[in-house]
Amino acid sequence: MKFNVHLTAFTDNGQIRQVEVPDHECKGDADSVLNRIYWHGQNESQPQKIRSVSAGDVIAYQNHLYLILLAGFLKISKKQLKEFSKLKPAQKIKYLIKKERNET
């Protein structure tokens, strides 16, 4: 299966990396599949001319968007994706840390 990852972590907003995950690895709960998408989004697994998937990027999975946190994932809306994309890199890092700590 192919999945789109919005590369929003750094300054390459608007770029999308397509990640292919073998069908047999797309079973299980959302976290399991999101972890496989993240893993296959690394250039060591699937070399591409754009950077690897990173914390701060957003995975599109089953009609939902998931922000990749420092550890884990957070379901976000399209509006939140747009707002996050507008932040400067240092602000994005602070946002990820706050979400990790369950701060608002």
PDB file of N, CA and C in Angstrom:
ATOM      1  N   MET A   1       0.845  -1.177   0.000  1.00  0.00           N
ATOM      2  CA  MET A   1       0.000   0.000   0.000  1.00  0.00           C
ATOM      3  C   MET A   1       0.891   1.241   0.000  1.00  0.00           C
ATOM      4  N   LYS A   2       0.361   2.300  -0.595  1.00  0.00           N
ATOM      5  CA  LYS A   2       1.106   3.552  -0.650  1.00  0.00           C
ATOM      6  C   LYS A   2       0.440   4.580   0.256  1.00  0.00           C
ATOM      7  N   PHE A   3       1.278   5.339   0.952  1.00  0.00           N
ATOM      8  CA  PHE A   3       0.808   6.360   1.879  1.00  0.00           C
ATOM      9  C   PHE A   3       1.533   7.665   1.607  1.00  0.00           C
ATOM     10  N   ASN A   4       0.833   8.770   1.798  1.00  0.00           N
ATOM     11  CA  ASN A   4       1.448  10.087   1.644  1.00  0.00           C
ATOM     12  C   ASN A   4       1.847  10.634   2.996  1.00  0.00           C
ATOM     13  N   VAL A   5       3.053  11.172   3.051  1.00  0.00           N
ATOM     14  CA  VAL A   5       3.561  11.812   4.256  1.00  0.00           C
ATOM     15  C   VAL A   5       3.871  13.262   3.912  1.00  0.00           C
ATOM     16  N   HIS A   6       3.222  14.186   4.608  1.00  0.00           N
ATOM     17  CA  HIS A   6       3.471  15.618   4.424  1.00  0.00           C
ATOM     18  C   HIS A   6       4.756  15.956   5.172  1.00  0.00           C
ATOM     19  N   LEU A   7       5.752  16.436   4.449  1.00  0.00           N
ATOM     20  CA  LEU A   7       7.041  16.765   5.060  1.00  0.00           C
ATOM     21  C   LEU A   7       6.963  18.172   5.646  1.00  0.00           C
ATOM     22  N   THR A   8       6.489  18.247   6.861  1.00  0.00           N
ATOM     23  CA  THR A   8       6.247  19.532   7.534  1.00  0.00           C
ATOM     24  C   THR A   8       7.229  19.814   8.658  1.00  0.00           C
ATOM     25  N   ALA A   9       8.130  18.884   8.946  1.00  0.00           N
ATOM     26  CA  ALA A   9       9.004  19.025  10.115  1.00  0.00           C
ATOM     27  C   ALA A   9       9.974  20.200  10.005  1.00  0.00           C
ATOM     28  N   PHE A  10      10.458  20.456   8.829  1.00  0.00           N
ATOM     29  CA  PHE A  10      11.479  21.474   8.670  1.00  0.00           C
ATOM     30  C   PHE A  10      10.952  22.593   7.777  1.00  0.00           C
ATOM     31  N   THR A  11      11.711  22.991   6.801  1.00  0.00           N
ATOM     32  CA  THR A  11      11.292  24.111   5.956  1.00  0.00           C
ATOM     33  C   THR A  11      10.794  23.659   4.594  1.00  0.00           C
ATOM     34  N   ASP A  12      10.536  22.360   4.446  1.00  0.00           N
ATOM     35  CA  ASP A  12      10.115  21.852   3.147  1.00  0.00           C
ATOM     36  C   ASP A  12       8.603  21.638   3.096  1.00  0.00           C
ATOM     37  N   ASN A  13       7.846  22.568   3.696  1.00  0.00           N
ATOM     38  CA  ASN A  13       6.391  22.472   3.691  1.00  0.00           C
ATOM     39  C   ASN A  13       5.865  22.334   2.267  1.00  0.00           C
ATOM     40  N   GLY A  14       4.876  21.515   2.112  1.00  0.00           N
ATOM     41  CA  GLY A  14       4.270  21.330   0.807  1.00  0.00           C
ATOM     42  C   GLY A  14       4.790  20.101   0.090  1.00  0.00           C
ATOM     43  N   GLN A  15       5.966  19.624   0.479  1.00  0.00           N
ATOM     44  CA  GLN A  15       6.483  18.410  -0.143  1.00  0.00           C
ATOM     45  C   GLN A  15       5.766  17.215   0.438  1.00  0.00           C
ATOM     46  N   ILE A  16       5.514  16.239  -0.410  1.00  0.00           N
ATOM     47  CA  ILE A  16       4.901  14.993   0.043  1.00  0.00           C
ATOM     48  C   ILE A  16       5.803  13.851  -0.377  1.00  0.00           C
ATOM     49  N   ARG A  17       6.077  12.985   0.571  1.00  0.00           N
ATOM     50  CA  ARG A  17       6.859  11.775   0.288  1.00  0.00           C
ATOM     51  C   ARG A  17       5.886  10.609   0.244  1.00  0.00           C
ATOM     52  N   GLN A  18       5.938   9.847  -0.820  1.00  0.00           N
ATOM     53  CA  GLN A  18       5.095   8.664  -0.904  1.00  0.00           C
ATOM     54  C   GLN A  18       5.879   7.483  -0.345  1.00  0.00           C
ATOM     55  N   VAL A  19       5.244   6.789   0.594  1.00  0.00           N
ATOM     56  CA  VAL A  19       5.886   5.658   1.259  1.00  0.00           C
ATOM     57  C   VAL A  19       5.095   4.396   0.927  1.00  0.00           C
ATOM     58  N   GLU A  20       5.806   3.386   0.472  1.00  0.00           N
ATOM     59  CA  GLU A  20       5.157   2.119   0.151  1.00  0.00           C
ATOM     60  C   GLU A  20       5.440   1.112   1.268  1.00  0.00           C
ATOM     61  N   VAL A  21       4.360   0.501   1.755  1.00  0.00           N
ATOM     62  CA  VAL A  21       4.460  -0.497   2.819  1.00  0.00           C
ATOM     63  C   VAL A  21       3.858  -1.796   2.280  1.00  0.00           C
ATOM     64  N   PRO A  22       4.580  -2.907   2.405  1.00  0.00           N
ATOM     65  CA  PRO A  22       4.018  -4.177   1.938  1.00  0.00           C
ATOM     66  C   PRO A  22       2.654  -4.452   2.596  1.00  0.00           C
ATOM     67  N   ASP A  23       1.730  -4.969   1.800  1.00  0.00           N
ATOM     68  CA  ASP A  23       0.371  -5.215   2.304  1.00  0.00           C
ATOM     69  C   ASP A  23       0.349  -6.040   3.586  1.00  0.00           C
ATOM     70  N   HIS A  24       1.210  -7.044   3.670  1.00  0.00           N
ATOM     71  CA  HIS A  24       1.189  -7.911   4.856  1.00  0.00           C
ATOM     72  C   HIS A  24       1.628  -7.166   6.126  1.00  0.00           C
ATOM     73  N   GLU A  25       2.238  -5.985   5.986  1.00  0.00           N
ATOM     74  CA  GLU A  25       2.649  -5.190   7.144  1.00  0.00           C
ATOM     75  C   GLU A  25       1.594  -4.146   7.523  1.00  0.00           C
ATOM     76  N   CYS A  26       0.502  -4.091   6.775  1.00  0.00           N
ATOM     77  CA  CYS A  26      -0.540  -3.087   7.020  1.00  0.00           C
ATOM     78  C   CYS A  26      -1.693  -3.663   7.829  1.00  0.00           C
ATOM     79  N   LYS A  27      -1.382  -4.583   8.688  1.00  0.00           N
ATOM     80  CA  LYS A  27      -2.400  -5.201   9.537  1.00  0.00           C
ATOM     81  C   LYS A  27      -2.160  -4.768  10.979  1.00  0.00           C
ATOM     82  N   GLY A  28      -3.220  -4.785  11.763  1.00  0.00           N
ATOM     83  CA  GLY A  28      -3.084  -4.399  13.160  1.00  0.00           C
ATOM     84  C   GLY A  28      -3.720  -3.045  13.407  1.00  0.00           C
ATOM     85  N   ASP A  29      -3.460  -2.512  14.583  1.00  0.00           N
ATOM     86  CA  ASP A  29      -4.059  -1.222  14.949  1.00  0.00           C
ATOM     87  C   ASP A  29      -3.340  -0.080  14.240  1.00  0.00           C
ATOM     88  N   ALA A  30      -3.916   1.106  14.353  1.00  0.00           N
ATOM     89  CA  ALA A  30      -3.373   2.286  13.659  1.00  0.00           C
ATOM     90  C   ALA A  30      -1.916   2.537  14.048  1.00  0.00           C
ATOM     91  N   ASP A  31      -1.582   2.449  15.335  1.00  0.00           N
ATOM     92  CA  ASP A  31      -0.205   2.710  15.764  1.00  0.00           C
ATOM     93  C   ASP A  31       0.786   1.765  15.086  1.00  0.00           C
ATOM     94  N   SER A  32       0.402   0.506  14.951  1.00  0.00           N
ATOM     95  CA  SER A  32       1.291  -0.471  14.300  1.00  0.00           C
ATOM     96  C   SER A  32       1.547  -0.090  12.850  1.00  0.00           C
ATOM     97  N   VAL A  33       0.481   0.273  12.135  1.00  0.00           N
ATOM     98  CA  VAL A  33       0.627   0.642  10.724  1.00  0.00           C
ATOM     99  C   VAL A  33       1.401   1.954  10.599  1.00  0.00           C
ATOM    100  N   LEU A  34       1.115   2.926  11.462  1.00  0.00           N
ATOM    101  CA  LEU A  34       1.839   4.201  11.422  1.00  0.00           C
ATOM    102  C   LEU A  34       3.336   3.987  11.666  1.00  0.00           C
ATOM    103  N   ASN A  35       3.676   3.095  12.571  1.00  0.00           N
ATOM    104  CA  ASN A  35       5.086   2.776  12.818  1.00  0.00           C
ATOM    105  C   ASN A  35       5.739   2.156  11.587  1.00  0.00           C
ATOM    106  N   ARG A  36       5.017   1.317  10.848  1.00  0.00           N
ATOM    107  CA  ARG A  36       5.550   0.717   9.632  1.00  0.00           C
ATOM    108  C   ARG A  36       5.741   1.780   8.548  1.00  0.00           C
ATOM    109  N   ILE A  37       4.784   2.714   8.455  1.00  0.00           N
ATOM    110  CA  ILE A  37       4.917   3.808   7.483  1.00  0.00           C
ATOM    111  C   ILE A  37       6.160   4.635   7.811  1.00  0.00           C
ATOM    112  N   TYR A  38       6.330   4.946   9.100  1.00  0.00           N
ATOM    113  CA  TYR A  38       7.507   5.708   9.527  1.00  0.00           C
ATOM    114  C   TYR A  38       8.788   4.952   9.150  1.00  0.00           C
ATOM    115  N   TRP A  39       8.840   3.667   9.477  1.00  0.00           N
ATOM    116  CA  TRP A  39      10.043   2.865   9.223  1.00  0.00           C
ATOM    117  C   TRP A  39      10.360   2.823   7.728  1.00  0.00           C
ATOM    118  N   HIS A  40       9.344   2.559   6.910  1.00  0.00           N
ATOM    119  CA  HIS A  40       9.571   2.483   5.459  1.00  0.00           C
ATOM    120  C   HIS A  40       9.812   3.863   4.850  1.00  0.00           C
ATOM    121  N   GLY A  41       9.550   4.919   5.610  1.00  0.00           N
ATOM    122  CA  GLY A  41       9.798   6.278   5.139  1.00  0.00           C
ATOM    123  C   GLY A  41      11.227   6.740   5.347  1.00  0.00           C
ATOM    124  N   GLN A  42      12.072   5.844   5.847  1.00  0.00           N
ATOM    125  CA  GLN A  42      13.481   6.168   6.038  1.00  0.00           C
ATOM    126  C   GLN A  42      14.240   5.847   4.759  1.00  0.00           C
ATOM    127  N   ASN A  43      15.192   6.687   4.391  1.00  0.00           N
ATOM    128  CA  ASN A  43      15.960   6.456   3.170  1.00  0.00           C
ATOM    129  C   ASN A  43      16.772   5.165   3.226  1.00  0.00           C
ATOM    130  N   GLU A  44      17.062   4.670   4.418  1.00  0.00           N
ATOM    131  CA  GLU A  44      17.763   3.390   4.539  1.00  0.00           C
ATOM    132  C   GLU A  44      16.864   2.251   4.067  1.00  0.00           C
ATOM    133  N   SER A  45      15.553   2.409   4.237  1.00  0.00           N
ATOM    134  CA  SER A  45      14.590   1.385   3.826  1.00  0.00           C
ATOM    135  C   SER A  45      14.139   1.584   2.381  1.00  0.00           C
ATOM    136  N   GLN A  46      13.783   2.830   2.037  1.00  0.00           N
ATOM    137  CA  GLN A  46      13.318   3.177   0.691  1.00  0.00           C
ATOM    138  C   GLN A  46      14.026   4.442   0.233  1.00  0.00           C
ATOM    139  N   PRO A  47      15.178   4.300  -0.378  1.00  0.00           N
ATOM    140  CA  PRO A  47      15.920   5.487  -0.817  1.00  0.00           C
ATOM    141  C   PRO A  47      15.107   6.351  -1.789  1.00  0.00           C
ATOM    142  N   GLN A  48      15.077   7.631  -1.511  1.00  0.00           N
ATOM    143  CA  GLN A  48      14.446   8.611  -2.390  1.00  0.00           C
ATOM    144  C   GLN A  48      15.337   9.851  -2.413  1.00  0.00           C
ATOM    145  N   LYS A  49      15.073  10.744  -3.347  1.00  0.00           N
ATOM    146  CA  LYS A  49      15.887  11.954  -3.462  1.00  0.00           C
ATOM    147  C   LYS A  49      15.488  13.025  -2.461  1.00  0.00           C
ATOM    148  N   ILE A  50      14.413  12.795  -1.711  1.00  0.00           N
ATOM    149  CA  ILE A  50      14.022  13.730  -0.664  1.00  0.00           C
ATOM    150  C   ILE A  50      14.347  13.106   0.686  1.00  0.00           C
ATOM    151  N   ARG A  51      14.285  13.901   1.724  1.00  0.00           N
ATOM    152  CA  ARG A  51      14.715  13.431   3.042  1.00  0.00           C
ATOM    153  C   ARG A  51      13.789  12.350   3.604  1.00  0.00           C
ATOM    154  N   SER A  52      14.291  11.680   4.619  1.00  0.00           N
ATOM    155  CA  SER A  52      13.517  10.661   5.317  1.00  0.00           C
ATOM    156  C   SER A  52      12.377  11.296   6.114  1.00  0.00           C
ATOM    157  N   VAL A  53      11.398  10.474   6.454  1.00  0.00           N
ATOM    158  CA  VAL A  53      10.297  10.887   7.320  1.00  0.00           C
ATOM    159  C   VAL A  53      10.860  11.142   8.716  1.00  0.00           C
ATOM    160  N   SER A  54      10.331  12.163   9.395  1.00  0.00           N
ATOM    161  CA  SER A  54      10.870  12.590  10.680  1.00  0.00           C
ATOM    162  C   SER A  54       9.753  13.015  11.623  1.00  0.00           C
ATOM    163  N   ALA A  55      10.086  13.121  12.907  1.00  0.00           N
ATOM    164  CA  ALA A  55       9.153  13.724  13.865  1.00  0.00           C
ATOM    165  C   ALA A  55       8.816  15.123  13.364  1.00  0.00           C
ATOM    166  N   GLY A  56       7.534  15.462  13.401  1.00  0.00           N
ATOM    167  CA  GLY A  56       7.085  16.748  12.888  1.00  0.00           C
ATOM    168  C   GLY A  56       6.466  16.645  11.504  1.00  0.00           C
ATOM    169  N   ASP A  57       6.598  15.486  10.878  1.00  0.00           N
ATOM    170  CA  ASP A  57       5.916  15.246   9.608  1.00  0.00           C
ATOM    171  C   ASP A  57       4.522  14.701   9.904  1.00  0.00           C
ATOM    172  N   VAL A  58       3.684  14.643   8.877  1.00  0.00           N
ATOM    173  CA  VAL A  58       2.291  14.233   9.071  1.00  0.00           C
ATOM    174  C   VAL A  58       1.948  13.128   8.075  1.00  0.00           C
ATOM    175  N   ILE A  59       1.464  12.005   8.621  1.00  0.00           N
ATOM    176  CA  ILE A  59       1.084  10.847   7.813  1.00  0.00           C
ATOM    177  C   ILE A  59      -0.413  10.890   7.538  1.00  0.00           C
ATOM    178  N   ALA A  60      -0.780  10.676   6.283  1.00  0.00           N
ATOM    179  CA  ALA A  60      -2.195  10.517   5.912  1.00  0.00           C
ATOM    180  C   ALA A  60      -2.493   9.021   5.925  1.00  0.00           C
ATOM    181  N   TYR A  61      -3.432   8.618   6.801  1.00  0.00           N
ATOM    182  CA  TYR A  61      -3.770   7.200   6.951  1.00  0.00           C
ATOM    183  C   TYR A  61      -5.259   7.056   7.242  1.00  0.00           C
ATOM    184  N   GLN A  62      -5.951   6.302   6.426  1.00  0.00           N
ATOM    185  CA  GLN A  62      -7.383   6.031   6.569  1.00  0.00           C
ATOM    186  C   GLN A  62      -8.205   7.306   6.752  1.00  0.00           C
ATOM    187  N   ASN A  63      -7.990   8.262   5.870  1.00  0.00           N
ATOM    188  CA  ASN A  63      -8.727   9.535   5.861  1.00  0.00           C
ATOM    189  C   ASN A  63      -8.507  10.382   7.111  1.00  0.00           C
ATOM    190  N   HIS A  64      -7.406  10.140   7.811  1.00  0.00           N
ATOM    191  CA  HIS A  64      -7.038  10.942   8.980  1.00  0.00           C
ATOM    192  C   HIS A  64      -5.597  11.398   8.808  1.00  0.00           C
ATOM    193  N   LEU A  65      -5.234  12.417   9.561  1.00  0.00           N
ATOM    194  CA  LEU A  65      -3.864  12.922   9.566  1.00  0.00           C
ATOM    195  C   LEU A  65      -3.249  12.662  10.930  1.00  0.00           C
ATOM    196  N   TYR A  66      -2.007  12.190  10.933  1.00  0.00           N
ATOM    197  CA  TYR A  66      -1.306  11.887  12.178  1.00  0.00           C
ATOM    198  C   TYR A  66       0.030  12.611  12.204  1.00  0.00           C
ATOM    199  N   LEU A  67       0.194  13.488  13.175  1.00  0.00           N
ATOM    200  CA  LEU A  67       1.454  14.173  13.389  1.00  0.00           C
ATOM    201  C   LEU A  67       2.403  13.199  14.069  1.00  0.00           C
ATOM    202  N   ILE A  68       3.615  13.075  13.525  1.00  0.00           N
ATOM    203  CA  ILE A  68       4.613  12.209  14.143  1.00  0.00           C
ATOM    204  C   ILE A  68       5.253  12.985  15.291  1.00  0.00           C
ATOM    205  N   LEU A  69       5.065  12.479  16.493  1.00  0.00           N
ATOM    206  CA  LEU A  69       5.653  13.100  17.683  1.00  0.00           C
ATOM    207  C   LEU A  69       7.062  12.547  17.884  1.00  0.00           C
ATOM    208  N   LEU A  70       7.724  12.977  18.944  1.00  0.00           N
ATOM    209  CA  LEU A  70       9.055  12.459  19.246  1.00  0.00           C
ATOM    210  C   LEU A  70       8.975  10.966  19.534  1.00  0.00           C
ATOM    211  N   ALA A  71       7.858  10.534  20.108  1.00  0.00           N
ATOM    212  CA  ALA A  71       7.563   9.115  20.328  1.00  0.00           C
ATOM    213  C   ALA A  71       6.053   8.952  20.201  1.00  0.00           C
ATOM    214  N   GLY A  72       5.611   8.383  19.108  1.00  0.00           N
ATOM    215  CA  GLY A  72       4.185   8.162  18.908  1.00  0.00           C
ATOM    216  C   GLY A  72       3.590   9.108  17.882  1.00  0.00           C
ATOM    217  N   PHE A  73       2.264   9.146  17.880  1.00  0.00           N
ATOM    218  CA  PHE A  73       1.521   9.881  16.865  1.00  0.00           C
ATOM    219  C   PHE A  73       0.342  10.598  17.505  1.00  0.00           C
ATOM    220  N   LEU A  74      -0.072  11.696  16.880  1.00  0.00           N
ATOM    221  CA  LEU A  74      -1.213  12.481  17.357  1.00  0.00           C
ATOM    222  C   LEU A  74      -2.126  12.768  16.173  1.00  0.00           C
ATOM    223  N   LYS A  75      -3.397  12.366  16.281  1.00  0.00           N
ATOM    224  CA  LYS A  75      -4.358  12.645  15.218  1.00  0.00           C
ATOM    225  C   LYS A  75      -4.640  14.142  15.214  1.00  0.00           C
ATOM    226  N   ILE A  76      -4.557  14.744  14.028  1.00  0.00           N
ATOM    227  CA  ILE A  76      -4.799  16.181  13.899  1.00  0.00           C
ATOM    228  C   ILE A  76      -5.782  16.434  12.750  1.00  0.00           C
ATOM    229  N   SER A  77      -6.318  17.635  12.723  1.00  0.00           N
ATOM    230  CA  SER A  77      -7.242  18.034  11.660  1.00  0.00           C
ATOM    231  C   SER A  77      -6.466  18.707  10.523  1.00  0.00           C
ATOM    232  N   LYS A  78      -7.142  18.917   9.398  1.00  0.00           N
ATOM    233  CA  LYS A  78      -6.519  19.639   8.279  1.00  0.00           C
ATOM    234  C   LYS A  78      -6.160  21.061   8.702  1.00  0.00           C
ATOM    235  N   LYS A  79      -7.000  21.663   9.531  1.00  0.00           N
ATOM    236  CA  LYS A  79      -6.730  23.016  10.022  1.00  0.00           C
ATOM    237  C   LYS A  79      -5.457  23.021  10.868  1.00  0.00           C
ATOM    238  N   GLN A  80      -5.303  22.020  11.743  1.00  0.00           N
ATOM    239  CA  GLN A  80      -4.103  21.933  12.570  1.00  0.00           C
ATOM    240  C   GLN A  80      -2.861  21.695  11.712  1.00  0.00           C
ATOM    241  N   LEU A  81      -2.997  20.912  10.651  1.00  0.00           N
ATOM    242  CA  LEU A  81      -1.867  20.698   9.730  1.00  0.00           C
ATOM    243  C   LEU A  81      -1.447  22.019   9.106  1.00  0.00           C
ATOM    244  N   LYS A  82      -2.421  22.793   8.675  1.00  0.00           N
ATOM    245  CA  LYS A  82      -2.128  24.089   8.054  1.00  0.00           C
ATOM    246  C   LYS A  82      -1.434  25.015   9.049  1.00  0.00           C
ATOM    247  N   GLU A  83      -1.943  25.060  10.289  1.00  0.00           N
ATOM    248  CA  GLU A  83      -1.350  25.919  11.327  1.00  0.00           C
ATOM    249  C   GLU A  83       0.063  25.461  11.672  1.00  0.00           C
ATOM    250  N   PHE A  84       0.250  24.141  11.821  1.00  0.00           N
ATOM    251  CA  PHE A  84       1.569  23.605  12.156  1.00  0.00           C
ATOM    252  C   PHE A  84       2.569  23.913  11.048  1.00  0.00           C
ATOM    253  N   SER A  85       2.130  23.799   9.812  1.00  0.00           N
ATOM    254  CA  SER A  85       3.008  24.044   8.664  1.00  0.00           C
ATOM    255  C   SER A  85       3.544  25.470   8.634  1.00  0.00           C
ATOM    256  N   LYS A  86       2.786  26.400   9.192  1.00  0.00           N
ATOM    257  CA  LYS A  86       3.181  27.811   9.181  1.00  0.00           C
ATOM    258  C   LYS A  86       4.206  28.156  10.261  1.00  0.00           C
ATOM    259  N   LEU A  87       4.378  27.276  11.246  1.00  0.00           N
ATOM    260  CA  LEU A  87       5.319  27.560  12.330  1.00  0.00           C
ATOM    261  C   LEU A  87       6.764  27.509  11.844  1.00  0.00           C
ATOM    262  N   LYS A  88       7.623  28.255  12.514  1.00  0.00           N
ATOM    263  CA  LYS A  88       9.057  28.201  12.238  1.00  0.00           C
ATOM    264  C   LYS A  88       9.604  26.924  12.876  1.00  0.00           C
ATOM    265  N   PRO A  89      10.739  26.411  12.379  1.00  0.00           N
ATOM    266  CA  PRO A  89      11.275  25.150  12.905  1.00  0.00           C
ATOM    267  C   PRO A  89      11.398  25.095  14.433  1.00  0.00           C
ATOM    268  N   ALA A  90      11.888  26.139  15.061  1.00  0.00           N
ATOM    269  CA  ALA A  90      12.040  26.137  16.525  1.00  0.00           C
ATOM    270  C   ALA A  90      10.673  26.047  17.210  1.00  0.00           C
ATOM    271  N   GLN A  91       9.657  26.699  16.638  1.00  0.00           N
ATOM    272  CA  GLN A  91       8.308  26.634  17.189  1.00  0.00           C
ATOM    273  C   GLN A  91       7.733  25.222  17.038  1.00  0.00           C
ATOM    274  N   LYS A  92       8.062  24.564  15.942  1.00  0.00           N
ATOM    275  CA  LYS A  92       7.587  23.198  15.722  1.00  0.00           C
ATOM    276  C   LYS A  92       8.160  22.257  16.776  1.00  0.00           C
ATOM    277  N   ILE A  93       9.432  22.424  17.095  1.00  0.00           N
ATOM    278  CA  ILE A  93      10.067  21.584  18.113  1.00  0.00           C
ATOM    279  C   ILE A  93       9.393  21.799  19.465  1.00  0.00           C
ATOM    280  N   LYS A  94       9.142  23.052  19.824  1.00  0.00           N
ATOM    281  CA  LYS A  94       8.463  23.351  21.093  1.00  0.00           C
ATOM    282  C   LYS A  94       7.072  22.733  21.116  1.00  0.00           C
ATOM    283  N   TYR A  95       6.365  22.802  19.994  1.00  0.00           N
ATOM    284  CA  TYR A  95       5.026  22.224  19.888  1.00  0.00           C
ATOM    285  C   TYR A  95       5.082  20.712  20.116  1.00  0.00           C
ATOM    286  N   LEU A  96       6.046  20.035  19.486  1.00  0.00           N
ATOM    287  CA  LEU A  96       6.182  18.584  19.645  1.00  0.00           C
ATOM    288  C   LEU A  96       6.478  18.211  21.085  1.00  0.00           C
ATOM    289  N   ILE A  97       7.350  18.985  21.736  1.00  0.00           N
ATOM    290  CA  ILE A  97       7.687  18.708  23.139  1.00  0.00           C
ATOM    291  C   ILE A  97       6.455  18.885  24.021  1.00  0.00           C
ATOM    292  N   LYS A  98       5.685  19.943  23.790  1.00  0.00           N
ATOM    293  CA  LYS A  98       4.464  20.166  24.565  1.00  0.00           C
ATOM    294  C   LYS A  98       3.487  19.012  24.387  1.00  0.00           C
ATOM    295  N   LYS A  99       3.321  18.551  23.170  1.00  0.00           N
ATOM    296  CA  LYS A  99       2.399  17.442  22.900  1.00  0.00           C
ATOM    297  C   LYS A  99       2.883  16.160  23.566  1.00  0.00           C
ATOM    298  N   GLU A 100       4.195  15.947  23.598  1.00  0.00           N
ATOM    299  CA  GLU A 100       4.759  14.774  24.270  1.00  0.00           C
ATOM    300  C   GLU A 100       4.436  14.795  25.765  1.00  0.00           C
ATOM    301  N   ARG A 101       4.441  15.992  26.320  1.00  0.00           N
ATOM    302  CA  ARG A 101       4.170  16.156  27.754  1.00  0.00           C
ATOM    303  C   ARG A 101       2.680  16.305  28.049  1.00  0.00           C
ATOM    304  N   ASN A 102       1.849  16.185  27.003  1.00  0.00           N
ATOM    305  CA  ASN A 102       0.394  16.361  27.114  1.00  0.00           C
ATOM    306  C   ASN A 102       0.012  17.739  27.598  1.00  0.00           C
ATOM    307  N   GLU A 103       0.810  18.741  27.212  1.00  0.00           N
ATOM    308  CA  GLU A 103       0.483  20.115  27.524  1.00  0.00           C
ATOM    309  C   GLU A 103      -0.325  20.697  26.369  1.00  0.00           C
ATOM    310  N   THR A 104      -1.129  21.701  26.632  1.00  0.00           N
ATOM    311  CA  THR A 104      -1.909  22.312  25.543  1.00  0.00           C
ATOM    312  C   THR A 104      -1.258  23.572  25.047  1.00  0.00           C
TER     313      THR A 104
END
